C-alpha atoms as a PDB file:
ATOM      1  CA  UNK A   1       0.054   0.140  -0.182  1.00  0.00           C
ATOM      2  CA  UNK A   2       1.250   3.191  -0.875  1.00  0.00           C
ATOM      3  CA  UNK A   3       0.380   5.463   2.061  1.00  0.00           C
ATOM      4  CA  UNK A   4       2.170   2.613   4.379  1.00  0.00           C
ATOM      5  CA  UNK A   5       5.271   2.407   2.333  1.00  0.00           C
ATOM      6  CA  UNK A   6       5.292   6.399   2.496  1.00  0.00           C
ATOM      7  CA  UNK A   7       5.265   6.593   6.516  1.00  0.00           C
ATOM      8  CA  UNK A   8       8.146   3.940   6.560  1.00  0.00           C
ATOM      9  CA  UNK A   9       9.768   6.188   4.295  1.00  0.00           C
ATOM     10  CA  UNK A  10       9.421   8.923   6.531  1.00  0.00           C
ATOM     11  CA  UNK A  11      10.736   6.667   9.474  1.00  0.00           C
ATOM     12  CA  UNK A  12      13.792   5.524   7.662  1.00  0.00           C
ATOM     13  CA  UNK A  13      14.210   9.272   6.583  1.00  0.00           C
ATOM     14  CA  UNK A  14      14.256  10.601  10.107  1.00  0.00           C
ATOM     15  CA  UNK A  15      16.359   7.797  11.629  1.00  0.00           C
ATOM     16  CA  UNK A  16      18.981   8.387   8.758  1.00  0.00           C
ATOM     17  CA  UNK A  17      19.025  12.233   9.228  1.00  0.00           C
ATOM     18  CA  UNK A  18      22.431  13.561   9.727  1.00  0.00           C
ATOM     19  CA  UNK A  19      23.085  17.015  11.886  1.00  0.00           C
ATOM     20  CA  UNK A  20      21.538  18.443  14.936  1.00  0.00           C
ATOM     21  CA  UNK A  21      22.193  16.158  17.608  1.00  0.00           C
ATOM     22  CA  UNK A  22      20.720  17.221  20.868  1.00  0.00           C
ATOM     23  CA  UNK A  23      22.660  19.267  22.956  1.00  0.00           C
ATOM     24  CA  UNK A  24      22.054  20.629  26.582  1.00  0.00           C
ATOM     25  CA  UNK A  25      24.026  22.580  29.209  1.00  0.00           C
ATOM     26  CA  UNK A  26      23.683  23.151  32.741  1.00  0.00           C
ATOM     27  CA  UNK A  27      21.785  26.084  33.960  1.00  0.00           C
ATOM     28  CA  UNK A  28      23.637  28.542  36.222  1.00  0.00           C
ATOM     29  CA  UNK A  29      22.688  28.323  39.610  1.00  0.00           C
ATOM     30  CA  UNK A  30      21.960  31.342  42.315  1.00  0.00           C
ATOM     31  CA  UNK A  31      23.402  30.017  45.716  1.00  0.00           C
ATOM     32  CA  UNK A  32      22.672  33.617  47.098  1.00  0.00           C
ATOM     33  CA  UNK A  33      20.807  33.649  50.793  1.00  0.00           C
ATOM     34  CA  UNK A  34      17.623  34.913  48.953  1.00  0.00           C
ATOM     35  CA  UNK A  35      16.086  33.616  45.989  1.00  0.00           C
ATOM     36  CA  UNK A  36      12.312  33.861  45.091  1.00  0.00           C
ATOM     37  CA  UNK A  37       9.677  34.797  42.323  1.00  0.00           C
ATOM     38  CA  UNK A  38       7.668  37.876  41.740  1.00  0.00           C
ATOM     39  CA  UNK A  39       4.081  37.510  42.453  1.00  0.00           C
ATOM     40  CA  UNK A  40       1.073  39.251  41.138  1.00  0.00           C
ATOM     41  CA  UNK A  41       0.786  43.079  41.952  1.00  0.00           C
ATOM     42  CA  UNK A  42       4.408  42.960  43.299  1.00  0.00           C
ATOM     43  CA  UNK A  43       7.332  44.981  41.682  1.00  0.00           C
ATOM     44  CA  UNK A  44      10.791  44.335  42.081  1.00  0.00           C
ATOM     45  CA  UNK A  45      10.922  47.328  44.458  1.00  0.00           C
ATOM     46  CA  UNK A  46       8.365  46.062  47.010  1.00  0.00           C
ATOM     47  CA  UNK A  47       9.742  42.536  46.531  1.00  0.00           C
ATOM     48  CA  UNK A  48      13.412  43.813  47.726  1.00  0.00           C
ATOM     49  CA  UNK A  49      12.025  46.014  50.293  1.00  0.00           C
ATOM     50  CA  UNK A  50      10.080  43.034  51.720  1.00  0.00           C
ATOM     51  CA  UNK A  51      13.488  41.103  52.009  1.00  0.00           C
ATOM     52  CA  UNK A  52      14.957  44.052  54.084  1.00  0.00           C
ATOM     53  CA  UNK A  53      16.934  45.878  51.310  1.00  0.00           C
ATOM     54  CA  UNK A  54      17.377  49.576  52.144  1.00  0.00           C
ATOM     55  CA  UNK A  55      15.768  51.808  49.232  1.00  0.00           C
ATOM     56  CA  UNK A  56      19.150  53.370  48.536  1.00  0.00           C
ATOM     57  CA  UNK A  57      20.403  50.327  47.457  1.00  0.00           C
ATOM     58  CA  UNK A  58      17.490  49.612  45.548  1.00  0.00           C
ATOM     59  CA  UNK A  59      17.681  52.873  43.593  1.00  0.00           C
ATOM     60  CA  UNK A  60      21.439  52.060  42.877  1.00  0.00           C
ATOM     61  CA  UNK A  61      20.358  48.722  41.409  1.00  0.00           C
ATOM     62  CA  UNK A  62      17.544  50.492  39.542  1.00  0.00           C
ATOM     63  CA  UNK A  63      19.996  52.754  38.002  1.00  0.00           C
ATOM     64  CA  UNK A  64      22.125  50.052  37.098  1.00  0.00           C
ATOM     65  CA  UNK A  65      19.595  47.991  35.327  1.00  0.00           C
ATOM     66  CA  UNK A  66      17.564  50.721  33.659  1.00  0.00           C
ATOM     67  CA  UNK A  67      19.672  50.387  30.481  1.00  0.00           C
ATOM     68  CA  UNK A  68      18.137  46.574  30.277  1.00  0.00           C
ATOM     69  CA  UNK A  69      15.344  46.614  32.594  1.00  0.00           C
ATOM     70  CA  UNK A  70      12.314  48.462  33.314  1.00  0.00           C
ATOM     71  CA  UNK A  71      11.771  47.739  36.882  1.00  0.00           C
ATOM     72  CA  UNK A  72       8.327  49.421  36.806  1.00  0.00           C
ATOM     73  CA  UNK A  73       7.101  47.044  33.982  1.00  0.00           C
ATOM     74  CA  UNK A  74       8.607  43.642  35.342  1.00  0.00           C
ATOM     75  CA  UNK A  75       6.345  40.616  34.830  1.00  0.00           C
ATOM     76  CA  UNK A  76       5.147  38.371  37.676  1.00  0.00           C
ATOM     77  CA  UNK A  77       6.627  35.020  37.396  1.00  0.00           C
ATOM     78  CA  UNK A  78      10.062  36.187  36.679  1.00  0.00           C
ATOM     79  CA  UNK A  79      12.805  34.785  39.199  1.00  0.00           C
ATOM     80  CA  UNK A  80      15.386  36.855  41.118  1.00  0.00           C
ATOM     81  CA  UNK A  81      18.272  36.093  43.601  1.00  0.00           C
ATOM     82  CA  UNK A  82      20.707  38.482  45.361  1.00  0.00           C
ATOM     83  CA  UNK A  83      23.146  38.805  48.102  1.00  0.00           C
ATOM     84  CA  UNK A  84      23.963  41.775  50.406  1.00  0.00           C
ATOM     85  CA  UNK A  85      27.402  42.394  52.096  1.00  0.00           C
ATOM     86  CA  UNK A  86      27.299  42.964  55.942  1.00  0.00           C
ATOM     87  CA  UNK A  87      26.481  46.694  55.389  1.00  0.00           C
ATOM     88  CA  UNK A  88      23.244  45.989  53.457  1.00  0.00           C
ATOM     89  CA  UNK A  89      24.869  46.882  49.854  1.00  0.00           C
ATOM     90  CA  UNK A  90      23.764  44.320  47.125  1.00  0.00           C
ATOM     91  CA  UNK A  91      26.839  42.467  46.075  1.00  0.00           C
ATOM     92  CA  UNK A  92      25.293  40.572  43.202  1.00  0.00           C
ATOM     93  CA  UNK A  93      21.751  40.434  41.701  1.00  0.00           C
ATOM     94  CA  UNK A  94      20.348  38.071  39.165  1.00  0.00           C
ATOM     95  CA  UNK A  95      16.877  38.439  37.622  1.00  0.00           C
ATOM     96  CA  UNK A  96      15.301  36.120  35.068  1.00  0.00           C
ATOM     97  CA  UNK A  97      12.479  37.655  33.027  1.00  0.00           C
ATOM     98  CA  UNK A  98      11.852  34.371  31.148  1.00  0.00           C
ATOM     99  CA  UNK A  99      13.386  30.832  31.065  1.00  0.00           C
ATOM    100  CA  UNK A 100      15.996  31.979  28.187  1.00  0.00           C
ATOM    101  CA  UNK A 101      17.295  35.312  29.517  1.00  0.00           C
ATOM    102  CA  UNK A 102      19.362  36.297  32.524  1.00  0.00           C
ATOM    103  CA  UNK A 103      20.286  39.812  33.732  1.00  0.00           C
ATOM    104  CA  UNK A 104      23.041  39.878  36.191  1.00  0.00           C
ATOM    105  CA  UNK A 105      24.572  42.901  38.183  1.00  0.00           C
ATOM    106  CA  UNK A 106      27.678  42.487  40.014  1.00  0.00           C
ATOM    107  CA  UNK A 107      29.559  44.740  42.258  1.00  0.00           C
ATOM    108  CA  UNK A 108      33.058  45.688  40.956  1.00  0.00           C
ATOM    109  CA  UNK A 109      35.344  48.567  42.118  1.00  0.00           C
ATOM    110  CA  UNK A 110      32.344  50.172  44.202  1.00  0.00           C
ATOM    111  CA  UNK A 111      29.699  49.934  41.605  1.00  0.00           C
ATOM    112  CA  UNK A 112      27.271  47.569  39.865  1.00  0.00           C
ATOM    113  CA  UNK A 113      28.202  46.544  36.592  1.00  0.00           C
ATOM    114  CA  UNK A 114      25.034  44.989  34.458  1.00  0.00           C
ATOM    115  CA  UNK A 115      25.118  42.018  31.679  1.00  0.00           C
ATOM    116  CA  UNK A 116      22.448  40.272  29.827  1.00  0.00           C
ATOM    117  CA  UNK A 117      23.208  36.710  28.893  1.00  0.00           C
ATOM    118  CA  UNK A 118      21.259  33.783  27.180  1.00  0.00           C
ATOM    119  CA  UNK A 119      20.956  30.643  29.145  1.00  0.00           C
ATOM    120  CA  UNK A 120      21.749  27.338  27.772  1.00  0.00           C
ATOM    121  CA  UNK A 121      18.721  25.248  26.593  1.00  0.00           C
ATOM    122  CA  UNK A 122      18.386  21.599  25.918  1.00  0.00           C
ATOM    123  CA  UNK A 123      17.350  20.828  22.223  1.00  0.00           C
ATOM    124  CA  UNK A 124      14.979  17.967  21.641  1.00  0.00           C
ATOM    125  CA  UNK A 125      13.373  16.749  18.970  1.00  0.00           C
ATOM    126  CA  UNK A 126       9.433  16.018  18.986  1.00  0.00           C
ATOM    127  CA  UNK A 127       7.125  14.263  16.273  1.00  0.00           C
ATOM    128  CA  UNK A 128       3.639  13.919  16.021  1.00  0.00           C
ATOM    129  CA  UNK A 129       1.136  12.269  13.174  1.00  0.00           C
ATOM    130  CA  UNK A 130      -2.688  12.077  12.981  1.00  0.00           C
ATOM    131  CA  UNK A 131      -5.581  12.179  10.448  1.00  0.00           C
ATOM    132  CA  UNK A 132      -7.570  15.161   9.390  1.00  0.00           C
ATOM    133  CA  UNK A 133     -11.126  15.455  10.526  1.00  0.00           C
ATOM    134  CA  UNK A 134     -12.624  18.826  10.340  1.00  0.00           C
ATOM    135  CA  UNK A 135      -9.347  20.918   9.623  1.00  0.00           C
ATOM    136  CA  UNK A 136      -5.886  20.573   9.766  1.00  0.00           C
ATOM    137  CA  UNK A 137      -5.842  23.052  12.461  1.00  0.00           C
ATOM    138  CA  UNK A 138      -7.893  20.882  14.996  1.00  0.00           C
ATOM    139  CA  UNK A 139      -6.071  17.603  13.891  1.00  0.00           C
ATOM    140  CA  UNK A 140      -2.614  18.979  14.877  1.00  0.00           C
ATOM    141  CA  UNK A 141      -4.000  20.466  18.212  1.00  0.00           C
ATOM    142  CA  UNK A 142      -5.900  17.313  19.115  1.00  0.00           C
ATOM    143  CA  UNK A 143      -2.573  15.409  18.212  1.00  0.00           C
ATOM    144  CA  UNK A 144      -0.860  17.594  20.844  1.00  0.00           C
ATOM    145  CA  UNK A 145       0.648  20.321  18.591  1.00  0.00           C
ATOM    146  CA  UNK A 146       0.307  23.989  18.895  1.00  0.00           C
ATOM    147  CA  UNK A 147      -1.266  26.757  16.719  1.00  0.00           C
ATOM    148  CA  UNK A 148       2.283  28.000  15.809  1.00  0.00           C
ATOM    149  CA  UNK A 149       3.216  24.574  14.591  1.00  0.00           C
ATOM    150  CA  UNK A 150       0.170  24.506  12.204  1.00  0.00           C
ATOM    151  CA  UNK A 151       0.948  27.971  10.867  1.00  0.00           C
ATOM    152  CA  UNK A 152       4.691  26.582  10.220  1.00  0.00           C
ATOM    153  CA  UNK A 153       3.540  23.392   8.709  1.00  0.00           C
ATOM    154  CA  UNK A 154       0.999  25.259   6.311  1.00  0.00           C
ATOM    155  CA  UNK A 155       3.737  27.605   5.378  1.00  0.00           C
ATOM    156  CA  UNK A 156       6.157  24.751   4.155  1.00  0.00           C
ATOM    157  CA  UNK A 157       3.558  23.267   1.877  1.00  0.00           C
ATOM    158  CA  UNK A 158       2.111  26.712   0.910  1.00  0.00           C
ATOM    159  CA  UNK A 159       3.181  26.147  -2.732  1.00  0.00           C
ATOM    160  CA  UNK A 160       1.547  22.546  -2.886  1.00  0.00           C
ATOM    161  CA  UNK A 161      -1.527  22.805  -0.909  1.00  0.00           C
ATOM    162  CA  UNK A 162      -4.271  25.372  -0.324  1.00  0.00           C
ATOM    163  CA  UNK A 163      -5.060  24.283   3.228  1.00  0.00           C
ATOM    164  CA  UNK A 164      -8.204  26.376   3.124  1.00  0.00           C
ATOM    165  CA  UNK A 165      -9.911  24.039   0.561  1.00  0.00           C
ATOM    166  CA  UNK A 166      -8.020  20.985  -0.356  1.00  0.00           C
ATOM    167  CA  UNK A 167      -7.757  18.810   2.709  1.00  0.00           C
ATOM    168  CA  UNK A 168     -10.369  15.979   2.967  1.00  0.00           C
ATOM    169  CA  UNK A 169     -11.478  13.920   6.016  1.00  0.00           C
ATOM    170  CA  UNK A 170      -8.972  11.160   6.373  1.00  0.00           C
ATOM    171  CA  UNK A 171      -5.898  12.903   4.940  1.00  0.00           C
ATOM    172  CA  UNK A 172      -2.725  11.888   7.044  1.00  0.00           C
ATOM    173  CA  UNK A 173      -0.092  14.260   8.448  1.00  0.00           C
ATOM    174  CA  UNK A 174       3.135  13.900  10.174  1.00  0.00           C
ATOM    175  CA  UNK A 175       5.770  16.578  11.549  1.00  0.00           C
ATOM    176  CA  UNK A 176       9.149  16.193  13.317  1.00  0.00           C
ATOM    177  CA  UNK A 177      10.374  19.346  14.896  1.00  0.00           C
ATOM    178  CA  UNK A 178      12.887  20.915  17.449  1.00  0.00           C
ATOM    179  CA  UNK A 179      11.849  22.135  20.782  1.00  0.00           C
ATOM    180  CA  UNK A 180      14.075  23.828  23.435  1.00  0.00           C
ATOM    181  CA  UNK A 181      13.454  23.524  26.943  1.00  0.00           C
ATOM    182  CA  UNK A 182      14.857  24.425  30.330  1.00  0.00           C
ATOM    183  CA  UNK A 183      14.241  22.446  33.668  1.00  0.00           C
ATOM    184  CA  UNK A 184      11.807  20.231  31.744  1.00  0.00           C
ATOM    185  CA  UNK A 185       9.788  23.058  30.312  1.00  0.00           C
ATOM    186  CA  UNK A 186       9.142  24.218  26.880  1.00  0.00           C
ATOM    187  CA  UNK A 187      10.999  27.699  26.149  1.00  0.00           C
ATOM    188  CA  UNK A 188      10.145  27.902  22.605  1.00  0.00           C
ATOM    189  CA  UNK A 189       9.675  25.840  19.262  1.00  0.00           C
ATOM    190  CA  UNK A 190      12.347  25.745  16.813  1.00  0.00           C
ATOM    191  CA  UNK A 191      12.265  24.848  13.206  1.00  0.00           C
ATOM    192  CA  UNK A 192      10.337  21.746  11.632  1.00  0.00           C
ATOM    193  CA  UNK A 193      12.741  19.468  10.446  1.00  0.00           C
ATOM    194  CA  UNK A 194      10.676  17.105   8.362  1.00  0.00           C
ATOM    195  CA  UNK A 195       7.030  16.672   7.556  1.00  0.00           C
ATOM    196  CA  UNK A 196       4.558  14.850   5.349  1.00  0.00           C
ATOM    197  CA  UNK A 197       1.090  15.189   3.996  1.00  0.00           C
ATOM    198  CA  UNK A 198      -0.777  12.324   2.454  1.00  0.00           C
ATOM    199  CA  UNK A 199      -4.333  13.036   1.002  1.00  0.00           C
ATOM    200  CA  UNK A 200      -6.610  13.288  -1.825  1.00  0.00           C
ATOM    201  CA  UNK A 201      -4.806  16.341  -3.039  1.00  0.00           C
ATOM    202  CA  UNK A 202      -1.595  14.207  -3.152  1.00  0.00           C
ATOM    203  CA  UNK A 203       1.415  12.723  -1.550  1.00  0.00           C
ATOM    204  CA  UNK A 204       4.081  15.648  -0.211  1.00  0.00           C
ATOM    205  CA  UNK A 205       7.019  15.375   1.636  1.00  0.00           C
ATOM    206  CA  UNK A 206       9.485  17.976   2.988  1.00  0.00           C
ATOM    207  CA  UNK A 207      12.959  17.950   4.724  1.00  0.00           C
ATOM    208  CA  UNK A 208      14.968  20.874   6.189  1.00  0.00           C
ATOM    209  CA  UNK A 209      18.539  21.364   4.833  1.00  0.00           C
ATOM    210  CA  UNK A 210      20.863  24.184   5.360  1.00  0.00           C
ATOM    211  CA  UNK A 211      23.590  24.115   2.810  1.00  0.00           C
ATOM    212  CA  UNK A 212      27.559  24.908   3.396  1.00  0.00           C
ATOM    213  CA  UNK A 213      26.833  28.566   2.458  1.00  0.00           C
ATOM    214  CA  UNK A 214      24.151  29.028   5.031  1.00  0.00           C
ATOM    215  CA  UNK A 215      21.124  28.862   2.650  1.00  0.00           C
ATOM    216  CA  UNK A 216      17.909  27.179   4.198  1.00  0.00           C
ATOM    217  CA  UNK A 217      15.221  25.552   2.738  1.00  0.00           C
ATOM    218  CA  UNK A 218      12.806  22.759   2.432  1.00  0.00           C
ATOM    219  CA  UNK A 219      13.278  19.854  -0.159  1.00  0.00           C
ATOM    220  CA  UNK A 220      11.107  17.098  -1.340  1.00  0.00           C
ATOM    221  CA  UNK A 221      12.539  13.268  -1.163  1.00  0.00           C
ATOM    222  CA  UNK A 222      14.213  13.925  -4.381  1.00  0.00           C
ATOM    223  CA  UNK A 223      16.052  16.952  -3.483  1.00  0.00           C
ATOM    224  CA  UNK A 224      13.951  19.539  -5.125  1.00  0.00           C
ATOM    225  CA  UNK A 225      12.946  22.839  -3.618  1.00  0.00           C
ATOM    226  CA  UNK A 226       9.273  23.151  -2.573  1.00  0.00           C
ATOM    227  CA  UNK A 227       9.343  26.715  -3.758  1.00  0.00           C
ATOM    228  CA  UNK A 228       7.015  27.009  -6.683  1.00  0.00           C
ATOM    229  CA  UNK A 229       6.348  30.074  -9.152  1.00  0.00           C
ATOM    230  CA  UNK A 230       2.654  30.384  -7.633  1.00  0.00           C
ATOM    231  CA  UNK A 231       1.472  30.089  -4.006  1.00  0.00           C
ATOM    232  CA  UNK A 232      -1.475  28.002  -3.469  1.00  0.00           C
ATOM    233  CA  UNK A 233      -3.179  30.920  -1.472  1.00  0.00           C
ATOM    234  CA  UNK A 234      -2.626  34.348  -0.823  1.00  0.00           C
ATOM    235  CA  UNK A 235      -3.138  34.320   3.053  1.00  0.00           C
ATOM    236  CA  UNK A 236      -1.311  32.285   5.599  1.00  0.00           C
ATOM    237  CA  UNK A 237      -3.675  29.372   6.571  1.00  0.00           C
ATOM    238  CA  UNK A 238      -6.420  30.543   8.451  1.00  0.00           C
ATOM    239  CA  UNK A 239     -10.386  30.215   8.461  1.00  0.00           C
ATOM    240  CA  UNK A 240     -12.116  29.984   4.895  1.00  0.00           C
ATOM    241  CA  UNK A 241     -15.688  31.603   4.631  1.00  0.00           C
ATOM    242  CA  UNK A 242     -16.771  31.088   1.076  1.00  0.00           C
ATOM    243  CA  UNK A 243     -15.230  28.636  -1.709  1.00  0.00           C
ATOM    244  CA  UNK A 244     -14.993  28.771  -5.699  1.00  0.00           C
ATOM    245  CA  UNK A 245     -18.281  27.875  -6.977  1.00  0.00           C
ATOM    246  CA  UNK A 246     -20.610  27.565  -9.746  1.00  0.00           C
ATOM    247  CA  UNK A 247     -23.512  28.147  -7.871  1.00  0.00           C
ATOM    248  CA  UNK A 248     -23.335  29.862  -4.769  1.00  0.00           C
ATOM    249  CA  UNK A 249     -26.210  31.750  -2.802  1.00  0.00           C
ATOM    250  CA  UNK A 250     -25.167  35.618  -2.778  1.00  0.00           C
ATOM    251  CA  UNK A 251     -25.119  36.802   0.944  1.00  0.00           C
ATOM    252  CA  UNK A 252     -26.608  40.085  -0.042  1.00  0.00           C
ATOM    253  CA  UNK A 253     -28.922  39.419  -3.187  1.00  0.00           C
ATOM    254  CA  UNK A 254     -30.097  36.065  -1.759  1.00  0.00           C
ATOM    255  CA  UNK A 255     -30.016  34.450  -5.416  1.00  0.00           C
ATOM    256  CA  UNK A 256     -27.644  31.732  -6.721  1.00  0.00           C
ATOM    257  CA  UNK A 257     -25.028  33.061  -8.909  1.00  0.00           C
ATOM    258  CA  UNK A 258     -21.209  31.904  -9.780  1.00  0.00           C
ATOM    259  CA  UNK A 259     -18.728  32.655  -7.458  1.00  0.00           C
ATOM    260  CA  UNK A 260     -15.553  32.825  -9.288  1.00  0.00           C
ATOM    261  CA  UNK A 261     -12.788  33.097  -6.590  1.00  0.00           C
ATOM    262  CA  UNK A 262     -12.201  32.265  -2.916  1.00  0.00           C
ATOM    263  CA  UNK A 263     -13.305  34.157   0.226  1.00  0.00           C
ATOM    264  CA  UNK A 264     -11.075  34.195   3.061  1.00  0.00           C
ATOM    265  CA  UNK A 265     -12.006  35.385   6.673  1.00  0.00           C
ATOM    266  CA  UNK A 266      -9.323  37.313   8.409  1.00  0.00           C
ATOM    267  CA  UNK A 267      -8.997  40.334  10.822  1.00  0.00           C
ATOM    268  CA  UNK A 268      -9.042  43.750   9.012  1.00  0.00           C
ATOM    269  CA  UNK A 269      -5.073  44.675   8.325  1.00  0.00           C
ATOM    270  CA  UNK A 270      -4.154  40.779   7.714  1.00  0.00           C
ATOM    271  CA  UNK A 271      -1.475  41.046   5.058  1.00  0.00           C
ATOM    272  CA  UNK A 272      -2.325  39.686   1.505  1.00  0.00           C
ATOM    273  CA  UNK A 273       0.485  38.072  -0.250  1.00  0.00           C
ATOM    274  CA  UNK A 274       0.908  38.140  -4.074  1.00  0.00           C
ATOM    275  CA  UNK A 275       0.887  34.588  -5.209  1.00  0.00           C
ATOM    276  CA  UNK A 276       3.620  34.952  -7.874  1.00  0.00           C
ATOM    277  CA  UNK A 277       6.097  37.768  -8.785  1.00  0.00           C
ATOM    278  CA  UNK A 278       4.408  40.317 -10.996  1.00  0.00           C
ATOM    279  CA  UNK A 279       3.495  43.727 -11.897  1.00  0.00           C
ATOM    280  CA  UNK A 280       0.597  45.576 -10.716  1.00  0.00           C
ATOM    281  CA  UNK A 281      -2.031  46.251 -13.599  1.00  0.00           C
ATOM    282  CA  UNK A 282      -4.746  47.937 -11.464  1.00  0.00           C
ATOM    283  CA  UNK A 283      -4.979  49.215  -7.928  1.00  0.00           C
ATOM    284  CA  UNK A 284      -8.104  50.924  -6.863  1.00  0.00           C
ATOM    285  CA  UNK A 285     -11.874  50.604  -5.897  1.00  0.00           C
ATOM    286  CA  UNK A 286     -14.265  48.716  -8.391  1.00  0.00           C
ATOM    287  CA  UNK A 287     -18.031  48.526  -7.534  1.00  0.00           C
ATOM    288  CA  UNK A 288     -18.873  45.470  -5.572  1.00  0.00           C
ATOM    289  CA  UNK A 289     -15.307  44.028  -5.561  1.00  0.00           C
ATOM    290  CA  UNK A 290     -14.491  46.965  -3.048  1.00  0.00           C
ATOM    291  CA  UNK A 291     -10.611  47.662  -3.003  1.00  0.00           C
ATOM    292  CA  UNK A 292      -8.895  45.715  -5.476  1.00  0.00           C
ATOM    293  CA  UNK A 293      -5.465  44.781  -6.709  1.00  0.00           C
ATOM    294  CA  UNK A 294      -4.729  42.947 -10.210  1.00  0.00           C
ATOM    295  CA  UNK A 295      -1.384  41.456 -10.721  1.00  0.00           C
ATOM    296  CA  UNK A 296      -0.047  40.619 -14.115  1.00  0.00           C
ATOM    297  CA  UNK A 297       2.340  37.404 -14.211  1.00  0.00           C
ATOM    298  CA  UNK A 298       4.435  35.520 -16.696  1.00  0.00           C
ATOM    299  CA  UNK A 299       2.781  33.844 -19.607  1.00  0.00           C
ATOM    300  CA  UNK A 300      -0.133  36.005 -19.470  1.00  0.00           C
ATOM    301  CA  UNK A 301      -1.734  34.797 -16.034  1.00  0.00           C
ATOM    302  CA  UNK A 302      -3.553  37.121 -13.769  1.00  0.00           C
ATOM    303  CA  UNK A 303      -4.406  37.264 -10.282  1.00  0.00           C
ATOM    304  CA  UNK A 304      -7.188  39.267  -8.491  1.00  0.00           C
ATOM    305  CA  UNK A 305      -7.206  40.432  -4.988  1.00  0.00           C
ATOM    306  CA  UNK A 306     -10.845  41.637  -3.701  1.00  0.00           C
ATOM    307  CA  UNK A 307     -12.524  43.320  -0.805  1.00  0.00           C
ATOM    308  CA  UNK A 308      -9.329  44.440   0.712  1.00  0.00           C
ATOM    309  CA  UNK A 309      -9.506  46.816   3.688  1.00  0.00           C
ATOM    310  CA  UNK A 310      -6.586  49.223   2.527  1.00  0.00           C
ATOM    311  CA  UNK A 311      -3.739  49.019   0.138  1.00  0.00           C
ATOM    312  CA  UNK A 312      -0.051  48.529   1.336  1.00  0.00           C
ATOM    313  CA  UNK A 313       2.110  51.531   1.287  1.00  0.00           C
ATOM    314  CA  UNK A 314       3.786  51.699  -2.279  1.00  0.00           C
ATOM    315  CA  UNK A 315       1.226  49.408  -4.353  1.00  0.00           C
ATOM    316  CA  UNK A 316       0.507  51.340  -7.643  1.00  0.00           C
ATOM    317  CA  UNK A 317       0.092  50.451 -11.206  1.00  0.00           C
ATOM    318  CA  UNK A 318       3.400  49.602 -12.747  1.00  0.00           C
ATOM    319  CA  UNK A 319       4.875  48.396  -9.609  1.00  0.00           C
ATOM    320  CA  UNK A 320       6.810  45.209  -9.488  1.00  0.00           C
ATOM    321  CA  UNK A 321       5.969  42.831  -6.685  1.00  0.00           C
ATOM    322  CA  UNK A 322       7.663  39.428  -5.276  1.00  0.00           C
ATOM    323  CA  UNK A 323       5.996  36.577  -4.143  1.00  0.00           C
END
C-alpha cells in the first residue's frame, strides 16, 4: 500500500537524517541567600523591600539596570536572586524575566555592572502524526501540537496545498520539529525538520536542509525545492468563509450566482501576499469588488485580490512585486 510505504520512508528518513544532535548545558545556579519569584501585583522594589533591602541600594540597582530593564514593568513570574554584604549593599543580583534570559548585576570597584546573557537550553526533537477530521488546525491540536506548529506546517507546503480548500477527512500528516527546554519546561519551538502530508490532493514530503553557504530551505525526497512560481493561497492558513463555486447563494442578493473566487475570513489588516512575482495592473476601488488589486504574471496569468481593507504602501500601477 502506497501510504504505508510512505510512512515507512518517513521513519527511515528521520532515522538516517544527519546533523542536529541534541545538546544541553547546565543552568547557572544562584546560591545566594535570597531566591524568590515575583508575584502578581508585586514590583521588584516592593519585593526587595520585603527582603529588608534599604531603598538607597534598590535605587542604586534600579539605576544600574535601567539600560536593560524597566523595573516598573517587570512581569509576575520572573525569578530573582541577590546577596548583600554586611553593610546591606547589594553584592550581586540576578533576574530571569523568562526561561531563556538572565540579567546579572555584580559589584565591581564599588559599583554595579550589568550584563545580559542567554541561558543554555536543552534541544530535543519531537514528532506527532494524525488524520484530518474537520481541519488541519483541529487535527494538529488534537494530536498535541500548537497553533504555531500548524502555521509553520502550512507555510512549508504553501506552494503545494491550499489548506483552506483542499484537505479532506482521512488525509494524514506527520511532522518532526525542534523544541528547546529548560528544567523540563518548553521555552520555545524551533524549526520543523521534516513533514509529510498524504491525502486526496496528493502526497507531499518536506525535509529541512541548510547548505554550506548557510542557505536554508525545504526539499522533497528527490532533493527538489518546494518553492514554486505560484502560491496556492494569498493568505497564511486561517479560516475560509466562501469557496470557489459555480452556484453559490449570494449573501446579499439572496439568489444563486457563480462565485469565481475564494473568500477568506481574516481580521482587518491581515497581510495579503502576491501568489507570484508580477506587476501591478490595477489598484483602486471597483464596484462590488471593493478595494481591488490586479497583478499580471508571466505567460499571461493574472491574479485578482478583492475586498481589501486598504492598500499597502507603495502599491501602484506599474509597481513590480515579489511573491
